[in-house]
Amino acid sequence: MISFKYFKLLVAALLMVAGSAFANVADFEPLTIAYKQIPGGDLWAILSARMEAVPFNFVATLLFVCAILHTFLAPKIQHWAHLLRERHKHFMATGKRPVGSVSLRAECLHFLGEVEAIFGIWAIPLLGAIAFYYDWHSVCNYVDHYVNYTEPVFVVIVMAIASSRPILKLAESGMKWVALLGKSTPAAWWFSILTLAPLFSSVITEPAAMTIGAMLLSKQFYELKPSLALKYATMGLLFVNVSVGGTLTHFAAPPVLMVAGKWGWDTPFMFLNFGWRAVVGIVVANALYYFFFRREFSRLKSLTVSEARSEKVPFWVVATHLFFLLWTIFNLHNVPLFLGGFLFFMAFLHTTTHHQEKMRLRSPVLVGFFLAGLVTHGTLQQWWLEPVLTQLKEFQLFLGATFLTSFNDNAAITFLASLVSDFANNPIMQRAVVAGAVTGGGLTVIANAPNPAGQSILSKHFKDGVSPLYLFLGALIPTIIVGTALYI
């Protein structure tokens, strides 16, 4: 039977009450706690001791699990919202509701079914529980000193710049030459985008590559209305390929960035140990899926329509956009610099409106909100992730990192691995944990930071939203292929 202490914590999380009713509890210092060592203790004994030392660990992980379960329910919630909207339209047609009115219940359900909003929503009860169990000062101290929101802000800005018309035209022109080798059929565009865009992530970072890849797939492939199975297979490939495609260098993929400096990894090391293997895995996975869906690709060929020639973007406009993109990437660890650059970018958009399309910030902002919520929750999972990683042998660590990445951002997995003293002088374990983290980065929307960006762009092609189960199945075979290439 659950103890009153844990019942009190559960009530605190569910009520979302801020206050200082338990101000006598010790200060909230989630990442500096020196847990008691248990020599020879099994995993459960270690976790039990840590939960006993910091009972709030129970609430933090409970809410994290609730957020994960919520992501799996998102498509169903979207379906309910759709039914309520249709019902409201019927009521308007029959005069039972005023014409032009909006169903509040449908809109609220739609928001709750937005995958990009889920972790941000669940951050509210988390911060409320911290305030209730500790005090409001602890909430402020936690978000100010323990949670790093640089990556969410960076993703918002790099998505906005990478989705601009000049950048997309530049990327599309480059991939067009490769697609011409296959006579520019839908299959040729599909293969070109799913191969080149992920490899670009080793230079322009994963969020930018994901944005470009997803937007080009939306235009060149998803608009042709492929089958649902091929839609999920393509999204799964995109997520997996981008996750491993950033391993050709040591500075572009977040899970690699977390360990490269501490473990002394540079670009030659990454290419020799990870990069060329990732390329092999990407090409083999793409080829296998193409062979499996070859008949459908042949059918899609007849649906291709010639596109009206669009106005060319002047070279100086493209070059300026590229400069702002590279400026953001180069200063990705310095928020004032890349945020200031973005303000100048917005001014440039305003002065060159006739060469631009209207900037749509909804998707980038929602993705940033998702990542901010994810890091707010994920930072508090160190108490159980670290002992789990240290209990595993080499192959177990590879599989464990792959599995854990599915339920936590892969950068968080490698960050915690960099804190484990047992890994400091063990290159075999180092490579195993990073290989596992990038391998599992496509299995779920929360496994890799750029995934929400791709899902946000492509979700309009799925009637009731993206199913986490079907996404997992679509990404499973590519995950096995790239995992084999990276590990063997």
Protein backbone atom coordinates (compact mmCIF):
# COMPACT_ATOMS: atom_id res chain seq x y z
CA MET A 1 0.00 0.00 0.00
CA ILE A 2 1.34 3.42 -0.98
CA SER A 3 2.69 5.41 1.97
CA PHE A 4 1.17 8.73 3.01
CA LYS A 5 4.40 10.47 2.02
CA TYR A 6 4.08 9.39 -1.61
CA PHE A 7 0.33 10.01 -1.56
CA LYS A 8 1.05 13.58 -0.46
CA LEU A 9 3.44 14.02 -3.36
CA LEU A 10 0.95 12.58 -5.84
CA VAL A 11 -1.75 14.96 -4.65
CA ALA A 12 0.70 17.83 -4.97
CA ALA A 13 1.41 16.96 -8.60
CA LEU A 14 -2.23 16.54 -9.57
CA LEU A 15 -3.51 19.67 -7.85
CA MET A 16 -0.85 21.88 -9.48
CA VAL A 17 -0.85 24.10 -6.43
CA ALA A 18 1.93 26.60 -5.82
CA GLY A 19 2.78 27.51 -2.29
CA SER A 20 5.09 26.86 0.58
CA ALA A 21 3.15 24.42 2.70
CA PHE A 22 6.24 22.25 3.00
CA ALA A 23 8.81 25.01 3.32
CA ASN A 24 10.62 23.00 5.97
CA VAL A 25 11.76 20.52 3.30
CA ALA A 26 15.41 20.83 2.26
CA ASP A 27 16.31 23.05 -0.68
CA PHE A 28 15.56 21.66 -4.13
CA GLU A 29 18.96 20.82 -5.66
CA PRO A 30 18.19 18.10 -8.24
CA LEU A 31 21.60 17.79 -9.91
CA THR A 32 23.94 18.30 -6.98
CA ILE A 33 22.61 15.65 -4.64
CA ALA A 34 25.29 13.27 -3.38
CA TYR A 35 23.36 10.00 -3.19
CA LYS A 36 24.57 7.37 -0.76
CA GLN A 37 26.67 4.73 -2.50
CA ILE A 38 25.49 1.11 -2.22
CA PRO A 39 28.48 -1.14 -3.08
CA GLY A 40 27.28 -4.30 -4.78
CA GLY A 41 23.65 -3.20 -4.61
CA ASP A 42 21.29 -4.20 -7.39
CA LEU A 43 19.49 -1.62 -9.50
CA TRP A 44 16.27 -1.70 -7.50
CA ALA A 45 18.15 -1.19 -4.23
CA ILE A 46 19.94 1.82 -5.69
CA LEU A 47 16.75 3.36 -7.05
CA SER A 48 14.90 2.73 -3.79
CA ALA A 49 17.65 4.41 -1.81
CA ARG A 50 17.61 7.43 -4.12
CA MET A 51 13.85 7.72 -3.89
CA GLU A 52 14.11 7.51 -0.12
CA ALA A 53 16.76 10.24 -0.08
CA VAL A 54 14.73 12.52 -2.36
CA PRO A 55 11.04 11.52 -2.30
CA PHE A 56 10.23 14.15 -4.92
CA ASN A 57 11.92 11.88 -7.48
CA PHE A 58 8.70 9.86 -7.39
CA VAL A 59 6.56 12.80 -8.52
CA ALA A 60 9.02 14.00 -11.18
CA THR A 61 9.13 10.59 -12.86
CA LEU A 62 5.39 10.01 -12.44
CA LEU A 63 4.61 13.23 -14.30
CA PHE A 64 7.22 12.40 -16.93
CA VAL A 65 5.51 9.04 -17.54
CA CYS A 66 2.13 10.79 -17.73
CA ALA A 67 3.49 13.12 -20.42
CA ILE A 68 4.80 10.14 -22.41
CA LEU A 69 1.44 8.35 -22.15
CA HIS A 70 -0.26 11.57 -23.25
CA THR A 71 1.82 11.58 -26.47
CA PHE A 72 0.54 8.10 -27.28
CA LEU A 73 -3.05 9.26 -26.73
CA ALA A 74 -2.63 12.41 -28.86
CA PRO A 75 -4.05 10.93 -32.12
CA LYS A 76 -7.14 9.70 -30.27
CA ILE A 77 -7.65 13.11 -28.66
CA GLN A 78 -7.32 14.73 -32.09
CA HIS A 79 -9.96 12.32 -33.40
CA TRP A 80 -12.34 13.32 -30.60
CA ALA A 81 -11.72 16.98 -31.40
CA HIS A 82 -12.52 16.30 -35.06
CA LEU A 83 -15.82 14.61 -34.10
CA LEU A 84 -16.80 17.55 -31.88
CA ARG A 85 -16.03 20.00 -34.70
CA GLU A 86 -18.18 18.02 -37.13
CA ARG A 87 -20.96 17.88 -34.57
CA HIS A 88 -20.74 21.64 -34.05
CA LYS A 89 -20.94 22.22 -37.83
CA HIS A 90 -24.09 20.10 -37.90
CA PHE A 91 -25.61 22.15 -35.08
CA MET A 92 -24.81 25.38 -36.97
CA ALA A 93 -26.42 23.98 -40.12
CA THR A 94 -29.60 23.09 -38.21
CA GLY A 95 -29.76 26.40 -36.35
CA LYS A 96 -28.94 24.96 -32.91
CA ARG A 97 -25.72 26.99 -32.75
CA PRO A 98 -25.03 30.50 -34.08
CA VAL A 99 -23.40 30.56 -37.52
CA GLY A 100 -19.68 31.30 -37.22
CA SER A 101 -19.46 30.18 -33.59
CA VAL A 102 -16.66 27.97 -32.28
CA SER A 103 -16.85 24.85 -30.11
CA LEU A 104 -14.72 25.55 -27.06
CA ARG A 105 -14.59 21.87 -26.14
CA ALA A 106 -13.37 20.94 -29.62
CA GLU A 107 -10.65 23.59 -29.60
CA CYS A 108 -9.48 22.63 -26.12
CA LEU A 109 -9.30 18.96 -27.13
CA HIS A 110 -7.43 19.91 -30.29
CA PHE A 111 -4.84 21.77 -28.22
CA LEU A 112 -4.50 18.83 -25.82
CA GLY A 113 -3.93 16.59 -28.85
CA GLU A 114 -1.12 18.73 -30.26
CA VAL A 115 1.98 16.57 -29.71
CA GLU A 116 4.18 19.67 -29.69
CA ALA A 117 2.23 21.11 -26.73
CA ILE A 118 2.14 18.03 -24.50
CA PHE A 119 5.40 18.31 -22.56
CA GLY A 120 4.85 22.03 -22.12
CA ILE A 121 1.38 21.30 -20.70
CA TRP A 122 2.79 18.76 -18.27
CA ALA A 123 5.48 21.19 -17.18
CA ILE A 124 2.71 23.13 -15.41
CA PRO A 125 1.91 20.40 -12.85
CA LEU A 126 5.64 19.68 -12.48
CA LEU A 127 6.49 23.26 -11.54
CA GLY A 128 3.36 23.44 -9.40
CA ALA A 129 4.44 20.31 -7.54
CA ILE A 130 7.92 21.76 -6.93
CA ALA A 131 6.34 24.91 -5.54
CA PHE A 132 3.91 22.93 -3.38
CA TYR A 133 6.48 20.53 -1.96
CA TYR A 134 9.29 23.09 -1.65
CA ASP A 135 8.50 26.75 -2.39
CA TRP A 136 8.30 29.19 -5.28
CA HIS A 137 11.94 30.15 -4.88
CA SER A 138 12.83 26.52 -5.69
CA VAL A 139 10.87 26.76 -8.96
CA CYS A 140 12.76 29.89 -9.99
CA ASN A 141 16.08 28.39 -8.91
CA TYR A 142 15.40 25.21 -10.90
CA VAL A 143 14.55 26.88 -14.21
CA ASP A 144 17.32 29.47 -13.81
CA HIS A 145 20.22 27.20 -12.86
CA TYR A 146 19.40 23.59 -13.75
CA VAL A 147 17.46 23.71 -17.01
CA ASN A 148 19.19 24.87 -20.20
CA TYR A 149 16.72 26.35 -22.67
CA THR A 150 19.33 27.28 -25.28
CA GLU A 151 18.45 24.37 -27.58
CA PRO A 152 14.68 25.11 -27.67
CA VAL A 153 15.35 28.76 -28.54
CA PHE A 154 17.93 27.71 -31.14
CA VAL A 155 15.50 25.26 -32.75
CA VAL A 156 12.80 27.94 -33.06
CA ILE A 157 15.17 30.30 -34.86
CA VAL A 158 16.92 27.76 -37.07
CA MET A 159 13.54 26.30 -38.12
CA ALA A 160 12.26 29.75 -39.03
CA ILE A 161 15.32 30.55 -41.14
CA ALA A 162 15.63 27.09 -42.73
CA SER A 163 11.96 27.13 -43.78
CA SER A 164 12.31 30.44 -45.59
CA ARG A 165 11.77 30.44 -49.35
CA PRO A 166 15.39 31.22 -50.39
CA ILE A 167 16.89 28.43 -48.22
CA LEU A 168 14.33 25.89 -49.44
CA LYS A 169 14.93 26.92 -53.06
CA LEU A 170 18.67 26.45 -52.58
CA ALA A 171 18.24 23.00 -51.00
CA GLU A 172 15.69 21.99 -53.61
CA SER A 173 18.02 23.01 -56.44
CA GLY A 174 20.83 20.89 -55.00
CA MET A 175 18.65 17.81 -54.58
CA LYS A 176 17.10 18.33 -58.01
CA TRP A 177 20.40 17.40 -59.67
CA VAL A 178 20.45 14.09 -57.82
CA ALA A 179 16.77 13.48 -58.57
CA LEU A 180 17.51 14.04 -62.27
CA LEU A 181 19.56 10.82 -62.19
CA GLY A 182 16.25 9.05 -61.62
CA LYS A 183 14.39 11.23 -64.17
CA SER A 184 12.88 13.34 -61.37
CA THR A 185 10.22 10.76 -60.53
CA PRO A 186 8.60 10.81 -57.08
CA ALA A 187 10.83 7.86 -56.14
CA ALA A 188 13.93 9.78 -57.24
CA TRP A 189 12.94 12.84 -55.21
CA TRP A 190 12.07 10.60 -52.25
CA PHE A 191 15.42 8.83 -52.32
CA SER A 192 17.35 12.07 -52.89
CA ILE A 193 15.72 13.92 -49.98
CA LEU A 194 15.93 11.01 -47.54
CA THR A 195 19.64 10.55 -48.31
CA LEU A 196 21.01 14.07 -48.72
CA ALA A 197 18.97 16.02 -46.14
CA PRO A 198 20.08 13.77 -43.24
CA LEU A 199 23.72 14.03 -44.34
CA PHE A 200 23.39 17.84 -44.45
CA SER A 201 22.67 17.66 -40.71
CA SER A 202 26.38 17.07 -40.08
CA VAL A 203 27.02 20.60 -41.35
CA ILE A 204 23.89 22.71 -40.89
CA THR A 205 22.73 20.90 -37.70
CA GLU A 206 19.92 18.39 -37.33
CA PRO A 207 17.01 20.84 -36.75
CA ALA A 208 17.80 22.72 -39.98
CA ALA A 209 18.23 19.49 -41.96
CA MET A 210 14.98 18.08 -40.54
CA THR A 211 13.08 21.24 -41.45
CA ILE A 212 14.41 21.27 -45.02
CA GLY A 213 13.90 17.53 -45.48
CA ALA A 214 10.35 17.54 -44.11
CA MET A 215 9.27 20.57 -46.16
CA LEU A 216 10.68 19.14 -49.39
CA LEU A 217 9.10 15.74 -48.70
CA SER A 218 5.79 17.48 -48.08
CA LYS A 219 6.00 19.27 -51.42
CA GLN A 220 7.59 16.61 -53.63
CA PHE A 221 6.11 13.44 -52.12
CA TYR A 222 3.33 13.71 -49.53
CA GLU A 223 1.25 15.98 -51.80
CA LEU A 224 0.93 12.98 -54.14
CA LYS A 225 -1.13 11.24 -51.43
CA PRO A 226 0.81 7.97 -50.94
CA SER A 227 -0.67 5.15 -48.87
CA LEU A 228 -0.74 5.45 -45.08
CA ALA A 229 1.88 2.71 -44.77
CA LEU A 230 4.28 4.58 -47.06
CA LYS A 231 3.61 7.84 -45.22
CA TYR A 232 4.70 6.32 -41.90
CA ALA A 233 7.60 4.44 -43.50
CA THR A 234 8.86 7.73 -44.97
CA MET A 235 8.53 9.63 -41.70
CA GLY A 236 10.26 6.81 -39.83
CA LEU A 237 13.12 6.86 -42.34
CA LEU A 238 13.44 10.64 -42.08
CA PHE A 239 13.64 10.58 -38.28
CA VAL A 240 16.14 7.70 -38.13
CA ASN A 241 18.31 9.05 -40.94
CA VAL A 242 18.53 12.55 -39.45
CA SER A 243 19.38 11.10 -36.04
CA VAL A 244 22.40 9.19 -37.38
CA GLY A 245 23.19 11.60 -40.23
CA GLY A 246 24.65 14.14 -37.83
CA THR A 247 27.48 11.83 -36.79
CA LEU A 248 29.83 12.69 -39.66
CA THR A 249 31.12 15.65 -37.61
CA HIS A 250 31.55 16.39 -33.91
CA PHE A 251 29.63 19.68 -33.72
CA ALA A 252 26.19 19.27 -35.36
CA ALA A 253 24.30 16.50 -33.52
CA PRO A 254 23.21 17.34 -29.93
CA PRO A 255 23.97 13.84 -28.53
CA VAL A 256 27.51 14.07 -29.95
CA LEU A 257 28.01 17.65 -28.76
CA MET A 258 27.29 16.54 -25.20
CA VAL A 259 30.36 14.28 -25.10
CA ALA A 260 32.75 15.38 -27.86
CA GLY A 261 34.66 17.94 -25.82
CA LYS A 262 34.86 15.85 -22.67
CA TRP A 263 35.95 12.67 -24.42
CA GLY A 264 38.22 14.37 -26.98
CA TRP A 265 36.27 13.44 -30.10
CA ASP A 266 36.88 15.46 -33.29
CA THR A 267 35.51 15.25 -36.85
CA PRO A 268 38.06 12.66 -38.13
CA PHE A 269 37.26 10.45 -35.13
CA MET A 270 33.51 10.80 -35.73
CA PHE A 271 33.76 10.00 -39.43
CA LEU A 272 35.99 6.95 -38.91
CA ASN A 273 33.97 5.51 -36.02
CA PHE A 274 30.42 6.63 -36.86
CA GLY A 275 30.07 8.69 -40.04
CA TRP A 276 30.79 6.23 -42.84
CA ARG A 277 28.77 3.57 -41.03
CA ALA A 278 25.83 5.98 -40.81
CA VAL A 279 26.03 6.64 -44.56
CA VAL A 280 25.96 2.90 -45.26
CA GLY A 281 22.99 2.41 -42.92
CA ILE A 282 21.03 5.30 -44.47
CA VAL A 283 21.54 4.10 -48.05
CA VAL A 284 20.70 0.47 -47.22
CA ALA A 285 17.54 1.43 -45.28
CA ASN A 286 16.35 3.73 -48.08
CA ALA A 287 17.02 1.09 -50.71
CA LEU A 288 15.17 -1.59 -48.74
CA TYR A 289 12.08 0.57 -48.29
CA TYR A 290 12.19 1.59 -51.96
CA PHE A 291 12.29 -2.08 -53.00
CA PHE A 292 9.38 -2.92 -50.67
CA PHE A 293 7.20 -0.04 -51.96
CA ARG A 294 8.42 -0.09 -55.59
CA ARG A 295 4.95 -0.86 -57.02
CA GLU A 296 3.40 2.08 -55.22
CA PHE A 297 6.20 4.37 -56.38
CA SER A 298 5.42 3.27 -59.93
CA ARG A 299 1.76 4.24 -59.40
CA LEU A 300 2.72 7.61 -57.91
CA LYS A 301 4.71 8.37 -61.04
CA SER A 302 1.52 8.84 -63.03
CA LEU A 303 0.25 11.36 -60.47
CA THR A 304 3.16 13.76 -60.95
CA VAL A 305 2.07 17.14 -62.32
CA SER A 306 4.25 19.75 -63.92
CA GLU A 307 4.73 22.74 -61.69
CA ALA A 308 4.49 26.30 -62.95
CA ARG A 309 7.82 27.97 -63.12
CA SER A 310 8.16 30.11 -60.01
CA GLU A 311 10.01 33.38 -59.77
CA LYS A 312 13.70 32.92 -59.16
CA VAL A 313 15.19 34.26 -55.95
CA PRO A 314 18.17 36.60 -56.54
CA PHE A 315 21.54 35.21 -55.55
CA TRP A 316 22.21 38.03 -53.07
CA VAL A 317 18.97 37.22 -51.20
CA VAL A 318 19.87 33.52 -51.00
CA ALA A 319 23.40 34.37 -49.86
CA THR A 320 22.07 36.66 -47.12
CA HIS A 321 19.70 33.97 -45.83
CA LEU A 322 22.53 31.46 -45.89
CA PHE A 323 24.68 33.88 -43.90
CA PHE A 324 22.00 34.22 -41.22
CA LEU A 325 21.59 30.43 -41.07
CA LEU A 326 25.34 29.89 -40.67
CA TRP A 327 25.54 32.74 -38.14
CA THR A 328 22.90 31.02 -36.02
CA ILE A 329 24.64 27.65 -36.25
CA PHE A 330 28.08 29.09 -35.50
CA ASN A 331 26.75 30.87 -32.39
CA LEU A 332 24.41 28.12 -31.24
CA HIS A 333 25.79 28.25 -27.68
CA ASN A 334 25.42 32.02 -27.39
CA VAL A 335 21.76 33.03 -27.16
CA PRO A 336 22.26 36.83 -27.31
CA LEU A 337 24.27 36.55 -30.54
CA PHE A 338 22.01 34.23 -32.49
CA LEU A 339 18.87 35.91 -31.11
CA GLY A 340 20.24 39.29 -32.18
CA GLY A 341 21.04 37.84 -35.59
CA PHE A 342 17.45 36.65 -35.89
CA LEU A 343 16.14 40.16 -35.24
CA PHE A 344 18.30 41.45 -38.11
CA PHE A 345 17.02 38.54 -40.21
CA MET A 346 13.42 39.62 -39.55
CA ALA A 347 14.33 43.15 -40.62
CA PHE A 348 15.84 41.76 -43.84
CA LEU A 349 12.64 39.81 -44.52
CA HIS A 350 10.64 43.00 -44.19
CA THR A 351 12.83 44.87 -46.68
CA THR A 352 12.79 42.04 -49.26
CA THR A 353 9.11 41.07 -48.99
CA HIS A 354 8.71 40.69 -52.76
CA HIS A 355 11.25 37.82 -52.72
CA GLN A 356 9.82 36.14 -49.62
CA GLU A 357 6.85 34.16 -48.47
CA LYS A 358 4.98 34.95 -45.29
CA MET A 359 6.90 33.55 -42.33
CA ARG A 360 4.89 31.03 -40.38
CA LEU A 361 6.16 30.95 -36.80
CA ARG A 362 3.43 28.70 -35.38
CA SER A 363 5.27 25.46 -36.08
CA PRO A 364 8.73 26.63 -34.86
CA VAL A 365 7.24 28.11 -31.67
CA LEU A 366 5.26 24.95 -30.90
CA VAL A 367 8.36 22.81 -31.43
CA GLY A 368 10.35 25.12 -29.13
CA PHE A 369 7.57 24.81 -26.54
CA PHE A 370 7.75 21.03 -26.82
CA LEU A 371 11.52 20.94 -26.34
CA ALA A 372 11.39 23.40 -23.44
CA GLY A 373 8.88 21.14 -21.70
CA LEU A 374 10.96 18.07 -22.50
CA VAL A 375 14.17 19.46 -20.99
CA THR A 376 12.21 20.72 -17.97
CA HIS A 377 11.05 17.16 -17.31
CA GLY A 378 14.12 15.32 -18.58
CA THR A 379 16.57 17.13 -16.31
CA LEU A 380 14.87 15.52 -13.30
CA GLN A 381 15.28 11.97 -14.64
CA GLN A 382 18.99 11.75 -13.86
CA TRP A 383 18.30 9.95 -10.58
CA TRP A 384 17.25 6.75 -12.36
CA LEU A 385 18.94 7.09 -15.78
CA GLU A 386 22.50 7.25 -14.43
CA PRO A 387 22.38 4.01 -12.37
CA VAL A 388 20.63 2.21 -15.22
CA LEU A 389 23.45 3.11 -17.61
CA THR A 390 26.21 2.09 -15.19
CA GLN A 391 24.65 -1.34 -14.60
CA LEU A 392 24.92 -2.36 -18.26
CA LYS A 393 27.66 -4.16 -20.20
CA GLU A 394 28.78 -3.04 -23.67
CA PHE A 395 26.07 -4.59 -25.86
CA GLN A 396 23.49 -4.14 -23.12
CA LEU A 397 24.50 -0.48 -22.94
CA PHE A 398 24.02 -0.10 -26.70
CA LEU A 399 20.55 -1.66 -26.55
CA GLY A 400 19.71 0.14 -23.31
CA ALA A 401 20.67 3.54 -24.74
CA THR A 402 18.58 2.79 -27.84
CA PHE A 403 15.57 1.88 -25.71
CA LEU A 404 15.93 4.74 -23.21
CA THR A 405 16.30 7.24 -26.04
CA SER A 406 12.77 6.34 -27.14
CA PHE A 407 11.44 7.87 -23.93
CA ASN A 408 13.91 10.69 -23.46
CA ASP A 409 15.86 13.02 -25.72
CA ASN A 410 19.01 11.21 -26.90
CA ALA A 411 21.13 14.21 -25.94
CA ALA A 412 20.04 13.67 -22.33
CA ILE A 413 21.25 10.07 -22.49
CA THR A 414 24.73 11.00 -23.70
CA PHE A 415 24.92 13.95 -21.30
CA LEU A 416 24.32 11.63 -18.35
CA ALA A 417 26.83 9.17 -19.79
CA SER A 418 29.44 11.94 -19.82
CA LEU A 419 28.94 12.31 -16.06
CA VAL A 420 29.58 8.62 -15.35
CA SER A 421 33.15 8.21 -14.12
CA ASP A 422 33.23 4.57 -15.29
CA PHE A 423 33.00 5.77 -18.90
CA ALA A 424 35.76 8.41 -18.69
CA ASN A 425 38.58 6.09 -19.82
CA ASN A 426 36.56 3.39 -21.54
CA PRO A 427 36.29 4.12 -25.30
CA ILE A 428 34.30 0.95 -25.94
CA MET A 429 31.53 2.00 -23.55
CA GLN A 430 31.68 5.57 -24.87
CA ARG A 431 31.07 4.46 -28.43
CA ALA A 432 28.36 2.00 -27.36
CA VAL A 433 26.27 4.61 -25.53
CA VAL A 434 26.53 7.21 -28.32
CA ALA A 435 25.79 4.63 -31.01
CA GLY A 436 22.73 3.49 -29.07
CA ALA A 437 21.54 7.05 -28.47
CA VAL A 438 21.66 8.07 -32.14
CA THR A 439 20.28 4.71 -33.29
CA GLY A 440 17.11 5.09 -31.22
CA GLY A 441 16.58 8.72 -32.22
CA GLY A 442 13.84 7.95 -34.74
CA LEU A 443 11.59 5.58 -32.81
CA THR A 444 9.41 8.26 -31.19
CA VAL A 445 8.77 11.97 -31.55
CA ILE A 446 10.55 12.67 -28.24
CA ALA A 447 13.65 10.58 -29.02
CA ASN A 448 15.54 13.32 -30.86
CA ALA A 449 15.19 17.09 -30.61
CA PRO A 450 14.48 17.72 -34.35
CA ASN A 451 11.70 15.10 -34.54
CA PRO A 452 8.92 17.43 -33.35
CA ALA A 453 9.91 19.83 -36.14
CA GLY A 454 9.51 17.13 -38.78
CA GLN A 455 6.25 15.87 -37.32
CA SER A 456 4.85 19.39 -37.07
CA ILE A 457 5.53 20.01 -40.76
CA LEU A 458 4.22 16.65 -41.99
CA SER A 459 1.28 16.16 -39.60
CA LYS A 460 -1.13 17.92 -42.01
CA HIS A 461 -0.87 14.86 -44.26
CA PHE A 462 -2.29 12.59 -41.52
CA LYS A 463 -6.03 12.95 -40.97
CA ASP A 464 -6.14 12.38 -37.19
CA GLY A 465 -2.54 13.23 -36.40
CA VAL A 466 0.53 11.01 -36.31
CA SER A 467 0.12 7.73 -34.44
CA PRO A 468 3.12 7.01 -32.14
CA LEU A 469 2.61 3.27 -32.66
CA TYR A 470 2.66 3.45 -36.46
CA LEU A 471 5.61 5.86 -36.35
CA PHE A 472 7.47 3.36 -34.18
CA LEU A 473 6.71 0.54 -36.63
CA GLY A 474 7.76 2.70 -39.58
CA ALA A 475 11.08 3.49 -37.92
CA LEU A 476 11.79 0.03 -36.50
CA ILE A 477 13.42 -1.61 -39.54
CA PRO A 478 15.64 1.43 -40.37
CA THR A 479 16.62 1.53 -36.69
CA ILE A 480 17.75 -2.10 -36.83
CA ILE A 481 19.69 -1.46 -40.06
CA VAL A 482 21.55 1.66 -38.91
CA GLY A 483 22.06 0.13 -35.46
CA THR A 484 23.73 -2.88 -37.04
CA ALA A 485 25.91 -0.63 -39.20
CA LEU A 486 26.97 1.48 -36.21
CA TYR A 487 27.60 -1.35 -33.77
CA ILE A 488 29.28 -4.10 -35.78
